[in-house]
C-alpha atoms as a PDB file:
ATOM      1  CA  MET A   1      12.602  -8.380  83.174  1.00  0.00           C
ATOM      2  CA  LYS A   2       9.783  -9.285  84.752  1.00  0.00           C
ATOM      3  CA  PHE A   3       6.436  -8.113  83.669  1.00  0.00           C
ATOM      4  CA  ARG A   4       3.219  -6.805  85.130  1.00  0.00           C
ATOM      5  CA  PHE A   5      -0.070  -5.798  82.851  1.00  0.00           C
ATOM      6  CA  ILE A   6      -1.061  -3.277  84.133  1.00  0.00           C
ATOM      7  CA  GLY A   7      -3.859  -1.482  81.902  1.00  0.00           C
ATOM      8  CA  LEU A   8      -5.103   0.361  78.463  1.00  0.00           C
ATOM      9  CA  GLN A   9      -6.591   3.191  77.468  1.00  0.00           C
ATOM     10  CA  PHE A  10      -7.509   3.654  74.052  1.00  0.00           C
ATOM     11  CA  ALA A  11      -9.004   7.205  72.364  1.00  0.00           C
ATOM     12  CA  ILE A  12     -10.766   8.428  69.721  1.00  0.00           C
ATOM     13  CA  PHE A  13     -11.274  12.176  69.344  1.00  0.00           C
ATOM     14  CA  PHE A  14     -13.840  14.050  67.053  1.00  0.00           C
ATOM     15  CA  LYS A  15     -12.807  16.198  64.076  1.00  0.00           C
ATOM     16  CA  ARG A  16     -16.149  18.590  65.276  1.00  0.00           C
ATOM     17  CA  GLU A  17     -17.405  19.165  68.513  1.00  0.00           C
ATOM     18  CA  ILE A  18     -20.246  16.544  69.528  1.00  0.00           C
ATOM     19  CA  SER A  19     -23.714  18.272  70.816  1.00  0.00           C
ATOM     20  CA  ARG A  20     -24.981  15.028  73.176  1.00  0.00           C
ATOM     21  CA  PRO A  21     -22.477  12.558  74.101  1.00  0.00           C
ATOM     22  CA  ASP A  22     -25.182  11.752  75.326  1.00  0.00           C
ATOM     23  CA  ILE A  23     -25.952   9.784  71.859  1.00  0.00           C
ATOM     24  CA  PHE A  24     -23.372   6.919  72.669  1.00  0.00           C
ATOM     25  CA  VAL A  25     -25.308   5.342  75.694  1.00  0.00           C
ATOM     26  CA  TYR A  26     -27.731   3.712  74.811  1.00  0.00           C
ATOM     27  CA  PRO A  27     -25.891   1.895  71.985  1.00  0.00           C
ATOM     28  CA  LEU A  28     -22.758   0.572  74.152  1.00  0.00           C
ATOM     29  CA  THR A  29     -24.924  -0.312  76.712  1.00  0.00           C
ATOM     30  CA  LYS A  30     -27.183  -2.920  74.458  1.00  0.00           C
ATOM     31  CA  LYS A  31     -23.842  -3.724  72.340  1.00  0.00           C
ATOM     32  CA  LEU A  32     -21.647  -4.038  75.685  1.00  0.00           C
ATOM     33  CA  SER A  33     -23.863  -4.925  78.211  1.00  0.00           C
ATOM     34  CA  SER A  34     -21.922  -7.434  80.059  1.00  0.00           C
ATOM     35  CA  ILE A  35     -18.825  -4.533  79.867  1.00  0.00           C
ATOM     36  CA  PHE A  36     -21.366  -1.495  80.733  1.00  0.00           C
ATOM     37  CA  ASP A  37     -23.395  -2.521  83.588  1.00  0.00           C
ATOM     38  CA  ASN A  38     -23.852  -0.127  85.906  1.00  0.00           C
ATOM     39  CA  PRO A  39     -26.400   2.246  85.482  1.00  0.00           C
ATOM     40  CA  PRO A  40     -24.168   5.437  83.177  1.00  0.00           C
ATOM     41  CA  ILE A  41     -23.903   8.829  85.084  1.00  0.00           C
ATOM     42  CA  ILE A  42     -24.767  11.979  83.008  1.00  0.00           C
ATOM     43  CA  LEU A  43     -23.504  15.372  84.303  1.00  0.00           C
ATOM     44  CA  PRO A  44     -25.063  18.727  83.667  1.00  0.00           C
ATOM     45  CA  PHE A  45     -23.989  20.392  79.661  1.00  0.00           C
ATOM     46  CA  LEU A  46     -22.003  23.483  80.729  1.00  0.00           C
ATOM     47  CA  GLN A  47     -21.472  25.545  77.738  1.00  0.00           C
ATOM     48  CA  ASP A  48     -18.137  27.196  79.173  1.00  0.00           C
ATOM     49  CA  ALA A  49     -16.485  24.208  80.102  1.00  0.00           C
ATOM     50  CA  PRO A  50     -13.680  22.637  78.696  1.00  0.00           C
ATOM     51  CA  LYS A  51     -14.497  20.557  75.915  1.00  0.00           C
ATOM     52  CA  GLU A  52     -12.325  17.761  77.123  1.00  0.00           C
ATOM     53  CA  ILE A  53     -14.255  17.036  80.251  1.00  0.00           C
ATOM     54  CA  PRO A  54     -16.543  14.373  79.975  1.00  0.00           C
ATOM     55  CA  THR A  55     -19.869  14.445  80.877  1.00  0.00           C
ATOM     56  CA  VAL A  56     -21.200  10.862  80.536  1.00  0.00           C
ATOM     57  CA  GLN A  57     -19.363   8.458  82.734  1.00  0.00           C
ATOM     58  CA  MET A  58     -19.675   4.764  82.410  1.00  0.00           C
ATOM     59  CA  ASP A  59     -18.472   1.829  84.071  1.00  0.00           C
ATOM     60  CA  SER A  60     -18.702  -1.885  84.953  1.00  0.00           C
ATOM     61  CA  LYS A  61     -19.817  -3.607  88.744  1.00  0.00           C
ATOM     62  CA  ASN A  62     -15.844  -5.238  88.855  1.00  0.00           C
ATOM     63  CA  GLY A  63     -14.359  -1.692  88.176  1.00  0.00           C
ATOM     64  CA  GLU A  64     -12.131  -2.802  85.312  1.00  0.00           C
ATOM     65  CA  TYR A  65     -13.982  -0.902  83.146  1.00  0.00           C
ATOM     66  CA  LYS A  66     -14.683   2.053  82.420  1.00  0.00           C
ATOM     67  CA  CYS A  67     -15.795   4.851  79.477  1.00  0.00           C
ATOM     68  CA  ASN A  68     -15.463   8.567  79.370  1.00  0.00           C
ATOM     69  CA  ILE A  69     -17.105  10.705  76.763  1.00  0.00           C
ATOM     70  CA  GLY A  70     -17.208  14.719  76.372  1.00  0.00           C
ATOM     71  CA  ARG A  71     -17.503  16.708  73.036  1.00  0.00           C
ATOM     72  CA  VAL A  72     -14.248  16.029  71.458  1.00  0.00           C
ATOM     73  CA  ARG A  73     -13.074  12.766  72.724  1.00  0.00           C
ATOM     74  CA  ILE A  74     -14.394   9.666  74.030  1.00  0.00           C
ATOM     75  CA  ASP A  75     -12.420   7.469  76.036  1.00  0.00           C
ATOM     76  CA  PHE A  76     -12.503   3.171  77.317  1.00  0.00           C
ATOM     77  CA  TYR A  77     -10.343   2.115  79.953  1.00  0.00           C
ATOM     78  CA  TYR A  78      -9.205  -1.534  80.900  1.00  0.00           C
ATOM     79  CA  ASN A  79      -7.615  -2.554  83.849  1.00  0.00           C
ATOM     80  CA  PRO A  80      -7.885  -6.050  84.950  1.00  0.00           C
ATOM     81  CA  LYS A  81      -8.196  -7.339  88.645  1.00  0.00           C
ATOM     82  CA  LYS A  82      -6.357 -10.369  88.159  1.00  0.00           C
ATOM     83  CA  VAL A  83      -2.538 -11.166  87.281  1.00  0.00           C
ATOM     84  CA  CYS A  84      -1.733 -10.653  83.795  1.00  0.00           C
ATOM     85  CA  LYS A  85       2.171 -10.887  82.894  1.00  0.00           C
ATOM     86  CA  ASP A  86       1.728  -9.901  79.294  1.00  0.00           C
ATOM     87  CA  PHE A  87      -0.601  -8.215  76.804  1.00  0.00           C
ATOM     88  CA  SER A  88      -1.151 -11.335  74.934  1.00  0.00           C
ATOM     89  CA  GLU A  89      -3.123 -13.134  77.801  1.00  0.00           C
ATOM     90  CA  ILE A  90      -5.995 -10.667  77.232  1.00  0.00           C
ATOM     91  CA  GLU A  91      -5.069  -9.697  74.041  1.00  0.00           C
ATOM     92  CA  LYS A  92      -7.671 -11.552  71.420  1.00  0.00           C
ATOM     93  CA  GLU A  93     -10.888 -10.380  73.853  1.00  0.00           C
ATOM     94  CA  VAL A  94      -9.705  -6.629  73.953  1.00  0.00           C
ATOM     95  CA  LYS A  95      -9.375  -6.673  70.057  1.00  0.00           C
ATOM     96  CA  LYS A  96     -12.918  -8.187  69.851  1.00  0.00           C
ATOM     97  CA  ILE A  97     -14.074  -5.113  72.573  1.00  0.00           C
ATOM     98  CA  LEU A  98     -12.177  -2.222  71.040  1.00  0.00           C
ATOM     99  CA  ASN A  99     -13.971  -3.640  66.962  1.00  0.00           C
ATOM    100  CA  SER A 100     -17.536  -3.448  69.020  1.00  0.00           C
ATOM    101  CA  PHE A 101     -16.498  -0.314  70.358  1.00  0.00           C
ATOM    102  CA  ILE A 102     -15.344   1.318  67.188  1.00  0.00           C
ATOM    103  CA  ASN A 103     -18.152   0.028  65.285  1.00  0.00           C
ATOM    104  CA  ILE A 104     -20.523   1.976  67.443  1.00  0.00           C
ATOM    105  CA  VAL A 105     -18.717   5.175  68.025  1.00  0.00           C
ATOM    106  CA  ASN A 106     -18.057   5.534  64.056  1.00  0.00           C
ATOM    107  CA  LYS A 107     -21.698   5.199  63.095  1.00  0.00           C
ATOM    108  CA  GLU A 108     -22.819   7.320  65.999  1.00  0.00           C
ATOM    109  CA  ALA A 109     -19.921   9.995  65.214  1.00  0.00           C
ATOM    110  CA  LYS A 110     -21.152   9.733  61.168  1.00  0.00           C
ATOM    111  CA  ASP A 111     -17.693   9.986  60.509  1.00  0.00           C
ATOM    112  CA  ASN A 112     -16.832  12.645  62.327  1.00  0.00           C
ATOM    113  CA  LEU A 113     -13.132  10.726  64.086  1.00  0.00           C
ATOM    114  CA  PHE A 114      -9.938  12.247  62.707  1.00  0.00           C
ATOM    115  CA  LYS A 115      -7.301  11.100  65.675  1.00  0.00           C
ATOM    116  CA  VAL A 116      -7.062   8.187  67.235  1.00  0.00           C
ATOM    117  CA  GLY A 117      -4.530   6.780  70.446  1.00  0.00           C
ATOM    118  CA  TYR A 118      -3.574   4.057  72.471  1.00  0.00           C
ATOM    119  CA  VAL A 119      -1.758   3.293  75.763  1.00  0.00           C
ATOM    120  CA  VAL A 120      -0.473   0.509  77.427  1.00  0.00           C
ATOM    121  CA  ARG A 121       0.816   0.099  80.602  1.00  0.00           C
ATOM    122  CA  TYR A 122       3.048  -2.244  82.344  1.00  0.00           C
ATOM    123  CA  PHE A 123       4.837  -2.488  85.925  1.00  0.00           C
ATOM    124  CA  ILE A 124       8.399  -3.907  85.902  1.00  0.00           C
ATOM    125  CA  GLU A 125       9.531  -5.218  89.313  1.00  0.00           C
ATOM    126  CA  ASP A 126      13.185  -4.424  89.643  1.00  0.00           C
ATOM    127  CA  THR A 127      14.960  -3.745  92.965  1.00  0.00           C
ATOM    128  CA  ASN A 128      17.500  -1.348  91.883  1.00  0.00           C
ATOM    129  CA  ALA A 129      15.333   0.062  88.820  1.00  0.00           C
ATOM    130  CA  ILE A 130      17.254   3.467  89.416  1.00  0.00           C
ATOM    131  CA  ARG A 131      20.349   1.871  88.736  1.00  0.00           C
ATOM    132  CA  THR A 132      19.371  -0.138  86.209  1.00  0.00           C
ATOM    133  CA  LEU A 133      17.742   2.803  83.888  1.00  0.00           C
ATOM    134  CA  GLN A 134      20.694   4.817  84.878  1.00  0.00           C
ATOM    135  CA  GLU A 135      23.030   2.687  83.719  1.00  0.00           C
ATOM    136  CA  LYS A 136      20.996   2.123  80.347  1.00  0.00           C
ATOM    137  CA  TYR A 137      20.244   6.013  79.798  1.00  0.00           C
ATOM    138  CA  ILE A 138      21.868   8.521  82.048  1.00  0.00           C
ATOM    139  CA  LYS A 139      25.580   9.887  81.675  1.00  0.00           C
ATOM    140  CA  LYS A 140      27.031   8.283  85.246  1.00  0.00           C
ATOM    141  CA  GLU A 141      28.667  11.797  86.103  1.00  0.00           C
ATOM    142  CA  PHE A 142      24.531  12.482  87.880  1.00  0.00           C
ATOM    143  CA  ASN A 143      24.652  10.472  91.078  1.00  0.00           C
ATOM    144  CA  ASP A 144      22.908  10.256  94.215  1.00  0.00           C
ATOM    145  CA  LEU A 145      19.099  10.162  91.987  1.00  0.00           C
ATOM    146  CA  GLN A 146      16.034   9.625  94.036  1.00  0.00           C
ATOM    147  CA  ARG A 147      13.905   9.323  91.005  1.00  0.00           C
ATOM    148  CA  ILE A 148      14.308   9.184  87.171  1.00  0.00           C
ATOM    149  CA  ALA A 149      11.152   9.526  84.446  1.00  0.00           C
ATOM    150  CA  LEU A 150      12.059   9.325  81.068  1.00  0.00           C
ATOM    151  CA  ARG A 151      10.333  10.081  77.468  1.00  0.00           C
ATOM    152  CA  PHE A 152      11.234   8.754  74.020  1.00  0.00           C
ATOM    153  CA  ASP A 153       9.393   9.601  70.991  1.00  0.00           C
ATOM    154  CA  ARG A 154       9.750   7.892  67.926  1.00  0.00           C
ATOM    155  CA  GLY A 155       8.098   8.848  64.773  1.00  0.00           C
ATOM    156  CA  LYS A 156       6.471   6.404  62.645  1.00  0.00           C
ATOM    157  CA  GLU A 157       4.042   5.261  59.687  1.00  0.00           C
ATOM    158  CA  PHE A 158       2.049   2.479  59.661  1.00  0.00           C
ATOM    159  CA  VAL A 159      -1.219   1.135  57.879  1.00  0.00           C
ATOM    160  CA  ASP A 160      -0.583   3.947  56.158  1.00  0.00           C
ATOM    161  CA  LEU A 161      -0.808   6.534  59.013  1.00  0.00           C
ATOM    162  CA  LYS A 162       1.874   8.666  60.543  1.00  0.00           C
ATOM    163  CA  VAL A 163       2.234   7.970  63.949  1.00  0.00           C
ATOM    164  CA  ASN A 164       3.852   9.302  67.248  1.00  0.00           C
ATOM    165  CA  ASP A 165       5.185   6.007  69.016  1.00  0.00           C
ATOM    166  CA  ILE A 166       6.175   7.150  72.622  1.00  0.00           C
ATOM    167  CA  THR A 167       7.475   5.218  75.244  1.00  0.00           C
ATOM    168  CA  LYS A 168       7.692   6.437  78.795  1.00  0.00           C
ATOM    169  CA  LEU A 169       9.875   5.398  81.830  1.00  0.00           C
ATOM    170  CA  GLU A 170       9.679   5.891  85.830  1.00  0.00           C
ATOM    171  CA  THR A 171      10.873   4.346  88.544  1.00  0.00           C
ATOM    172  CA  VAL A 172       8.267   4.063  91.309  1.00  0.00           C
ATOM    173  CA  ASN A 173       7.809   2.364  94.911  1.00  0.00           C
ATOM    174  CA  GLU A 174       4.726   0.982  94.343  1.00  0.00           C
ATOM    175  CA  ASP A 175       3.131  -1.385  91.548  1.00  0.00           C
ATOM    176  CA  LEU A 176       0.115   1.078  91.371  1.00  0.00           C
ATOM    177  CA  LEU A 177      -1.945  -1.401  92.351  1.00  0.00           C
ATOM    178  CA  GLY A 178      -1.054  -0.575  96.182  1.00  0.00           C
ATOM    179  CA  ASN A 179       1.729  -3.270  96.471  1.00  0.00           C
ATOM    180  CA  PRO A 180       4.871  -2.049  97.799  1.00  0.00           C
ATOM    181  CA  LYS A 181       7.174  -3.211  95.085  1.00  0.00           C
ATOM    182  CA  LYS A 182       9.823  -1.522  93.844  1.00  0.00           C
ATOM    183  CA  GLY A 183      10.429  -1.010  90.398  1.00  0.00           C
ATOM    184  CA  TYR A 184       9.472   1.161  86.995  1.00  0.00           C
ATOM    185  CA  VAL A 185       6.384   1.609  85.236  1.00  0.00           C
ATOM    186  CA  LEU A 186       5.918   1.531  81.434  1.00  0.00           C
ATOM    187  CA  GLU A 187       3.663   3.904  79.247  1.00  0.00           C
ATOM    188  CA  ARG A 188       3.790   2.974  75.162  1.00  0.00           C
ATOM    189  CA  ASP A 189       1.285   5.421  73.852  1.00  0.00           C
ATOM    190  CA  ILE A 190       0.946   5.267  70.113  1.00  0.00           C
ATOM    191  CA  ASN A 191      -1.061   7.904  68.134  1.00  0.00           C
ATOM    192  CA  ASN A 192      -1.326   9.376  65.138  1.00  0.00           C
ATOM    193  CA  ILE A 193      -0.796  12.556  63.856  1.00  0.00           C
ATOM    194  CA  SER A 194      -3.363  14.491  63.202  1.00  0.00           C
ATOM    195  CA  SER A 195      -4.491  14.835  59.822  1.00  0.00           C
ATOM    196  CA  PRO A 196      -7.612  16.321  57.637  1.00  0.00           C
ATOM    197  CA  LYS A 197      -8.496  13.266  56.554  1.00  0.00           C
ATOM    198  CA  LYS A 198     -11.416  11.417  58.612  1.00  0.00           C
ATOM    199  CA  LEU A 199     -10.490   7.797  60.117  1.00  0.00           C
ATOM    200  CA  GLU A 200     -12.401   5.715  58.788  1.00  0.00           C
ATOM    201  CA  GLU A 201     -13.411   2.053  60.839  1.00  0.00           C
ATOM    202  CA  LYS A 202     -11.442  -0.165  58.842  1.00  0.00           C
ATOM    203  CA  LYS A 203      -8.131   1.823  59.539  1.00  0.00           C
ATOM    204  CA  LEU A 204      -9.152   1.854  62.957  1.00  0.00           C
ATOM    205  CA  LYS A 205      -9.159  -1.708  63.573  1.00  0.00           C
ATOM    206  CA  GLU A 206      -5.872  -2.115  61.380  1.00  0.00           C
ATOM    207  CA  PHE A 207      -4.493   0.554  63.404  1.00  0.00           C
ATOM    208  CA  ILE A 208      -5.025  -1.600  66.442  1.00  0.00           C
ATOM    209  CA  ARG A 209      -4.343  -4.973  65.191  1.00  0.00           C
ATOM    210  CA  GLU A 210      -0.840  -3.316  64.421  1.00  0.00           C
ATOM    211  CA  CYS A 211      -0.382  -1.392  68.135  1.00  0.00           C
ATOM    212  CA  SER A 212      -0.783  -5.214  69.640  1.00  0.00           C
ATOM    213  CA  LYS A 213       2.034  -6.779  68.120  1.00  0.00           C
ATOM    214  CA  ARG A 214       3.665  -3.665  69.751  1.00  0.00           C
ATOM    215  CA  TYR A 215       2.094  -4.142  72.762  1.00  0.00           C
ATOM    216  CA  ARG A 216       3.148  -7.785  73.961  1.00  0.00           C
ATOM    217  CA  SER A 217       6.376  -7.948  76.465  1.00  0.00           C
ATOM    218  CA  SER A 218       8.414  -9.515  73.928  1.00  0.00           C
ATOM    219  CA  SER A 219       8.108  -6.574  71.267  1.00  0.00           C
ATOM    220  CA  ILE A 220       8.307  -3.887  73.956  1.00  0.00           C
ATOM    221  CA  GLU A 221      11.706  -5.574  76.062  1.00  0.00           C
ATOM    222  CA  LYS A 222      13.332  -5.501  72.788  1.00  0.00           C
ATOM    223  CA  GLU A 223      13.049  -1.711  71.934  1.00  0.00           C
ATOM    224  CA  ILE A 224      14.004  -0.496  75.788  1.00  0.00           C
END
């Protein structure tokens, strides 16, 4: 398989609504100033707006990093401009950033964390992507397919967390960077099943470490 790493998303969910999402701006820009080097955008707070809508948006001048903060969740995004064939190429850098990110969020949210999700995306170049996925996953009776979108959800448990391990496969005609290439996008999303127990900083860092092992292309290739 010809893998290309596209990007990742890391989300932390708050058990209780955060009244001031902007409390994260100063500590994040102070600790991760090399990443969030653009002025933050703080939108007006609307009481009747959906809680998931981010009212704070932070990003980097090179467009690789982004952070959206709402009243019930905070999302970190990394979409590298350089060509990465495998998650392992940026694994150490990402782990260091996410550990700092978790430390800040946990400190400011005051033990208000109860759910986490970590998503990676790859583009897999394949001129016969529809045929490849059809032969492996779909009955031959389905002919003349123009597009395929599949989802697999495996229930697992690691670092004492019950998790959903979701894999999505979808055929595309470009690599999500605008380049016309046939293939399919592979998305792997690992998130814990909501629990009344709070998520401690140590547990979140263990979660990242275990996910990282599963996000290397060699690991993914064995499971699809």
